[in-house]
Amino acid sequence: MLLSHSHKFLFVHVQRTGGGSITRVLGEYAHVPPSSRIHRYLSKTGLVRDPLRIRLTAHETALGARRLLPRSMFDEYFKFALVRNPWSWLVSLYSRYGTTQSHRHFKQVSRMSFVEYVDWEVARDKRHQHRFVCDGKGALIVDFVGQLETLHADLASACKRIGVEPPSEPPPRVGARPHPDYREYYDDTLRSKVRAHWHRDVELFAYDFG
């Protein structure tokens, strides 16, 4: 999550949706989290003071931010996020978990087929993109939701909204894992299973399989 007081924006970073690219472009405007080593060092030298002591995690949800921030700040700041085709998103998560040895899910996911991985995610019911941008009742509480598939144009829209010059070229992808086209991972049964379980993401963000 990026919080900027100078440009009054809050970027909600949904995993595997191009958030690293957004951070590369807008990170210089972000508030330094009080829990970071940099902030602690600067605080000791007297160069930084943060009476709010805001602690937002890297993948804090919009609802979590609303609970942690002063309500007037949350309401005033421009809040936005990126999402991704749910079928593609699951392939990206599977690739990330199964190839990154330092990840907490590596040992478990690296032994799974993709079908087993989807079943595992369905059973634990923890990964949904809409939960990053909605309240507990499912209502959208951010001002703008862009899509990874239109990253350059949607980033430009966000930049104009917060008064930052948009990049002239599409930002480079950060942390992308190479894998075959996501459609190669699915048969009709698995495709329908994803549509059923992640139906809120499919409907809210207007996605279809292809």
Protein backbone atom coordinates (compact mmCIF):
# COMPACT_ATOMS: atom_id res chain seq x y z
CA MET A 1 0.00 0.00 0.00
CA LEU A 2 1.18 3.49 -0.82
CA LEU A 3 -0.01 6.43 1.26
CA SER A 4 0.90 9.92 0.08
CA HIS A 5 0.20 13.01 2.15
CA SER A 6 1.80 15.36 -0.38
CA HIS A 7 -0.51 14.21 -3.21
CA LYS A 8 -3.32 12.86 -1.04
CA PHE A 9 -3.68 9.38 -2.45
CA LEU A 10 -3.91 5.83 -1.18
CA PHE A 11 -2.94 2.96 -3.48
CA VAL A 12 -4.30 -0.43 -2.40
CA HIS A 13 -1.85 -3.10 -3.56
CA VAL A 14 -3.60 -6.33 -4.50
CA GLN A 15 -1.04 -9.12 -4.91
CA ARG A 16 0.02 -10.05 -8.45
CA THR A 17 -1.85 -7.23 -10.18
CA GLY A 18 0.98 -4.91 -11.26
CA GLY A 19 1.40 -3.11 -7.95
CA GLY A 20 5.17 -3.20 -8.26
CA SER A 21 4.91 -1.13 -11.43
CA ILE A 22 2.68 1.40 -9.66
CA THR A 23 5.16 1.58 -6.78
CA ARG A 24 8.01 2.24 -9.20
CA VAL A 25 6.14 5.22 -10.63
CA LEU A 26 4.49 6.65 -7.50
CA GLY A 27 6.68 5.35 -4.66
CA GLU A 28 8.66 8.58 -4.42
CA TYR A 29 5.53 10.40 -3.26
CA ALA A 30 4.66 7.88 -0.53
CA HIS A 31 4.65 8.47 3.18
CA VAL A 32 7.41 6.46 4.90
CA PRO A 33 5.70 3.93 7.23
CA PRO A 34 6.61 4.52 10.91
CA SER A 35 7.48 0.84 11.32
CA SER A 36 10.23 0.95 8.69
CA ARG A 37 13.92 0.99 9.57
CA ILE A 38 14.36 4.20 7.57
CA HIS A 39 11.68 5.94 9.60
CA ARG A 40 13.11 4.74 12.91
CA TYR A 41 16.54 6.07 11.92
CA LEU A 42 15.17 9.43 10.81
CA SER A 43 13.07 9.70 13.95
CA LYS A 44 16.13 9.23 16.12
CA THR A 45 17.89 12.04 14.27
CA GLY A 46 14.86 14.28 14.67
CA LEU A 47 14.33 14.61 10.93
CA VAL A 48 10.94 12.88 10.83
CA ARG A 49 7.99 13.17 13.13
CA ASP A 50 4.77 11.27 12.63
CA PRO A 51 2.25 11.97 15.38
CA LEU A 52 -0.31 9.73 13.65
CA ARG A 53 2.02 6.71 13.79
CA ILE A 54 0.27 5.13 10.82
CA ARG A 55 1.16 1.48 10.26
CA LEU A 56 -0.15 0.08 7.01
CA THR A 57 1.06 -3.27 5.69
CA ALA A 58 2.26 -3.73 2.12
CA HIS A 59 -1.03 -5.38 1.15
CA GLU A 60 -3.38 -3.60 3.52
CA THR A 61 -7.00 -3.61 2.38
CA ALA A 62 -8.98 -0.43 1.87
CA LEU A 63 -11.17 -1.44 4.82
CA GLY A 64 -8.08 -1.92 6.98
CA ALA A 65 -6.82 1.51 5.96
CA ARG A 66 -10.18 3.07 6.79
CA ARG A 67 -9.94 1.62 10.28
CA LEU A 68 -6.35 2.81 10.80
CA LEU A 69 -6.46 6.27 9.26
CA PRO A 70 -8.34 9.30 10.52
CA ARG A 71 -11.72 9.07 8.80
CA SER A 72 -11.43 12.59 7.38
CA MET A 73 -8.14 11.61 5.73
CA PHE A 74 -9.53 8.41 4.29
CA ASP A 75 -12.56 10.21 2.88
CA GLU A 76 -10.51 13.06 1.39
CA TYR A 77 -7.68 11.09 -0.23
CA PHE A 78 -7.98 9.57 -3.68
CA LYS A 79 -8.12 5.81 -3.22
CA PHE A 80 -7.37 3.43 -6.07
CA ALA A 81 -6.29 -0.12 -6.87
CA LEU A 82 -5.51 -2.48 -9.73
CA VAL A 83 -7.16 -5.84 -10.26
CA ARG A 84 -6.68 -8.68 -12.74
CA ASN A 85 -8.61 -11.31 -14.65
CA PRO A 86 -9.35 -13.88 -11.87
CA TRP A 87 -8.33 -16.88 -14.00
CA SER A 88 -5.03 -15.20 -14.86
CA TRP A 89 -4.60 -14.01 -11.27
CA LEU A 90 -4.77 -17.55 -9.89
CA VAL A 91 -2.14 -18.77 -12.36
CA SER A 92 0.12 -15.91 -11.29
CA LEU A 93 -0.37 -16.70 -7.59
CA TYR A 94 0.33 -20.38 -8.25
CA SER A 95 3.52 -19.52 -10.11
CA ARG A 96 4.65 -17.12 -7.40
CA TYR A 97 3.99 -19.47 -4.50
CA GLY A 98 5.38 -22.54 -6.23
CA THR A 99 8.66 -21.04 -7.47
CA THR A 100 9.70 -18.70 -4.64
CA GLN A 101 11.52 -20.76 -2.03
CA SER A 102 11.38 -17.97 0.54
CA HIS A 103 7.59 -17.78 0.36
CA ARG A 104 5.71 -19.31 3.29
CA HIS A 105 3.54 -21.39 0.93
CA PHE A 106 6.40 -22.67 -1.24
CA LYS A 107 6.77 -26.16 0.22
CA GLN A 108 3.06 -26.82 0.06
CA VAL A 109 2.22 -25.28 -3.32
CA SER A 110 5.35 -26.51 -5.12
CA ARG A 111 4.05 -30.07 -4.67
CA MET A 112 0.61 -29.26 -6.10
CA SER A 113 -0.76 -29.44 -9.60
CA PHE A 114 -2.66 -26.34 -10.65
CA VAL A 115 -5.97 -28.15 -10.18
CA GLU A 116 -4.95 -29.05 -6.63
CA TYR A 117 -3.91 -25.47 -6.00
CA VAL A 118 -7.29 -24.10 -7.09
CA ASP A 119 -9.05 -26.63 -4.85
CA TRP A 120 -6.81 -25.55 -1.97
CA GLU A 121 -7.67 -21.89 -2.49
CA VAL A 122 -11.36 -22.70 -2.70
CA ALA A 123 -11.18 -24.66 0.56
CA ARG A 124 -9.36 -21.97 2.52
CA ASP A 125 -11.37 -19.12 0.94
CA LYS A 126 -8.82 -16.38 1.65
CA ARG A 127 -7.93 -14.99 -1.77
CA HIS A 128 -10.49 -12.60 -3.31
CA GLN A 129 -9.62 -9.35 -5.02
CA HIS A 130 -12.86 -7.57 -4.10
CA ARG A 131 -12.00 -7.87 -0.41
CA PHE A 132 -9.16 -5.41 -0.96
CA VAL A 133 -11.45 -2.64 -2.22
CA CYS A 134 -14.82 -3.31 -0.56
CA ASP A 135 -16.21 -2.98 2.94
CA GLY A 136 -17.56 -5.89 4.96
CA LYS A 137 -20.90 -5.70 3.15
CA GLY A 138 -19.29 -5.87 -0.29
CA ALA A 139 -19.71 -2.20 -1.20
CA LEU A 140 -16.86 -0.55 -3.11
CA ILE A 141 -14.99 1.98 -0.91
CA VAL A 142 -12.25 3.13 -3.30
CA ASP A 143 -12.60 5.83 -5.93
CA PHE A 144 -11.08 4.03 -8.90
CA VAL A 145 -10.30 0.43 -9.83
CA GLY A 146 -7.95 -0.03 -12.78
CA GLN A 147 -7.03 -3.29 -14.45
CA LEU A 148 -3.68 -4.89 -15.11
CA GLU A 149 -4.79 -5.53 -18.69
CA THR A 150 -5.03 -1.75 -19.26
CA LEU A 151 -2.25 -0.77 -16.84
CA HIS A 152 -0.75 2.10 -18.85
CA ALA A 153 -4.04 3.89 -19.52
CA ASP A 154 -5.40 3.35 -16.01
CA LEU A 155 -2.16 4.50 -14.38
CA ALA A 156 -2.29 7.63 -16.54
CA SER A 157 -5.83 8.30 -15.29
CA ALA A 158 -4.74 7.93 -11.68
CA CYS A 159 -1.70 10.16 -12.21
CA LYS A 160 -3.84 12.93 -13.66
CA ARG A 161 -6.21 12.66 -10.72
CA ILE A 162 -3.41 13.15 -8.16
CA GLY A 163 -1.46 15.76 -10.12
CA VAL A 164 1.49 13.66 -11.25
CA GLU A 165 2.85 13.54 -14.78
CA PRO A 166 1.88 10.13 -16.20
CA PRO A 167 4.64 7.97 -17.73
CA SER A 168 4.92 8.28 -21.50
CA GLU A 169 5.62 4.56 -21.88
CA PRO A 170 4.05 1.54 -20.18
CA PRO A 171 5.87 0.96 -16.87
CA PRO A 172 7.99 -2.21 -16.75
CA ARG A 173 6.47 -5.16 -14.97
CA VAL A 174 8.06 -5.80 -11.59
CA GLY A 175 8.26 -9.30 -10.11
CA ALA A 176 6.46 -11.03 -12.98
CA ARG A 177 6.96 -14.80 -13.15
CA PRO A 178 7.19 -16.38 -16.63
CA HIS A 179 4.60 -19.07 -17.27
CA PRO A 180 2.45 -20.29 -20.18
CA ASP A 181 -0.68 -18.42 -21.18
CA TYR A 182 -3.13 -18.77 -18.30
CA ARG A 183 -5.81 -20.26 -20.58
CA GLU A 184 -3.64 -23.35 -21.05
CA TYR A 185 -4.14 -24.26 -17.38
CA TYR A 186 -7.90 -24.69 -17.62
CA ASP A 187 -10.43 -27.16 -18.86
CA ASP A 188 -14.16 -26.43 -18.82
CA THR A 189 -14.67 -27.88 -15.34
CA LEU A 190 -11.89 -25.87 -13.72
CA ARG A 191 -12.88 -22.72 -15.55
CA SER A 192 -16.43 -23.06 -14.21
CA LYS A 193 -15.17 -23.74 -10.69
CA VAL A 194 -13.20 -20.48 -10.69
CA ARG A 195 -16.19 -18.56 -12.04
CA ALA A 196 -18.40 -19.96 -9.29
CA HIS A 197 -16.05 -19.37 -6.36
CA TRP A 198 -14.71 -15.98 -7.47
CA HIS A 199 -18.04 -14.83 -8.88
CA ARG A 200 -17.93 -11.52 -7.00
CA ASP A 201 -14.57 -10.61 -8.57
CA VAL A 202 -15.82 -11.69 -12.01
CA GLU A 203 -19.00 -9.64 -11.71
CA LEU A 204 -17.69 -6.55 -9.93
CA PHE A 205 -14.73 -6.06 -12.24
CA ALA A 206 -16.56 -7.24 -15.41
CA TYR A 207 -14.22 -10.08 -16.37
CA ASP A 208 -14.72 -13.13 -18.52
CA PHE A 209 -12.39 -16.08 -19.03
CA GLY A 210 -10.96 -15.08 -22.40
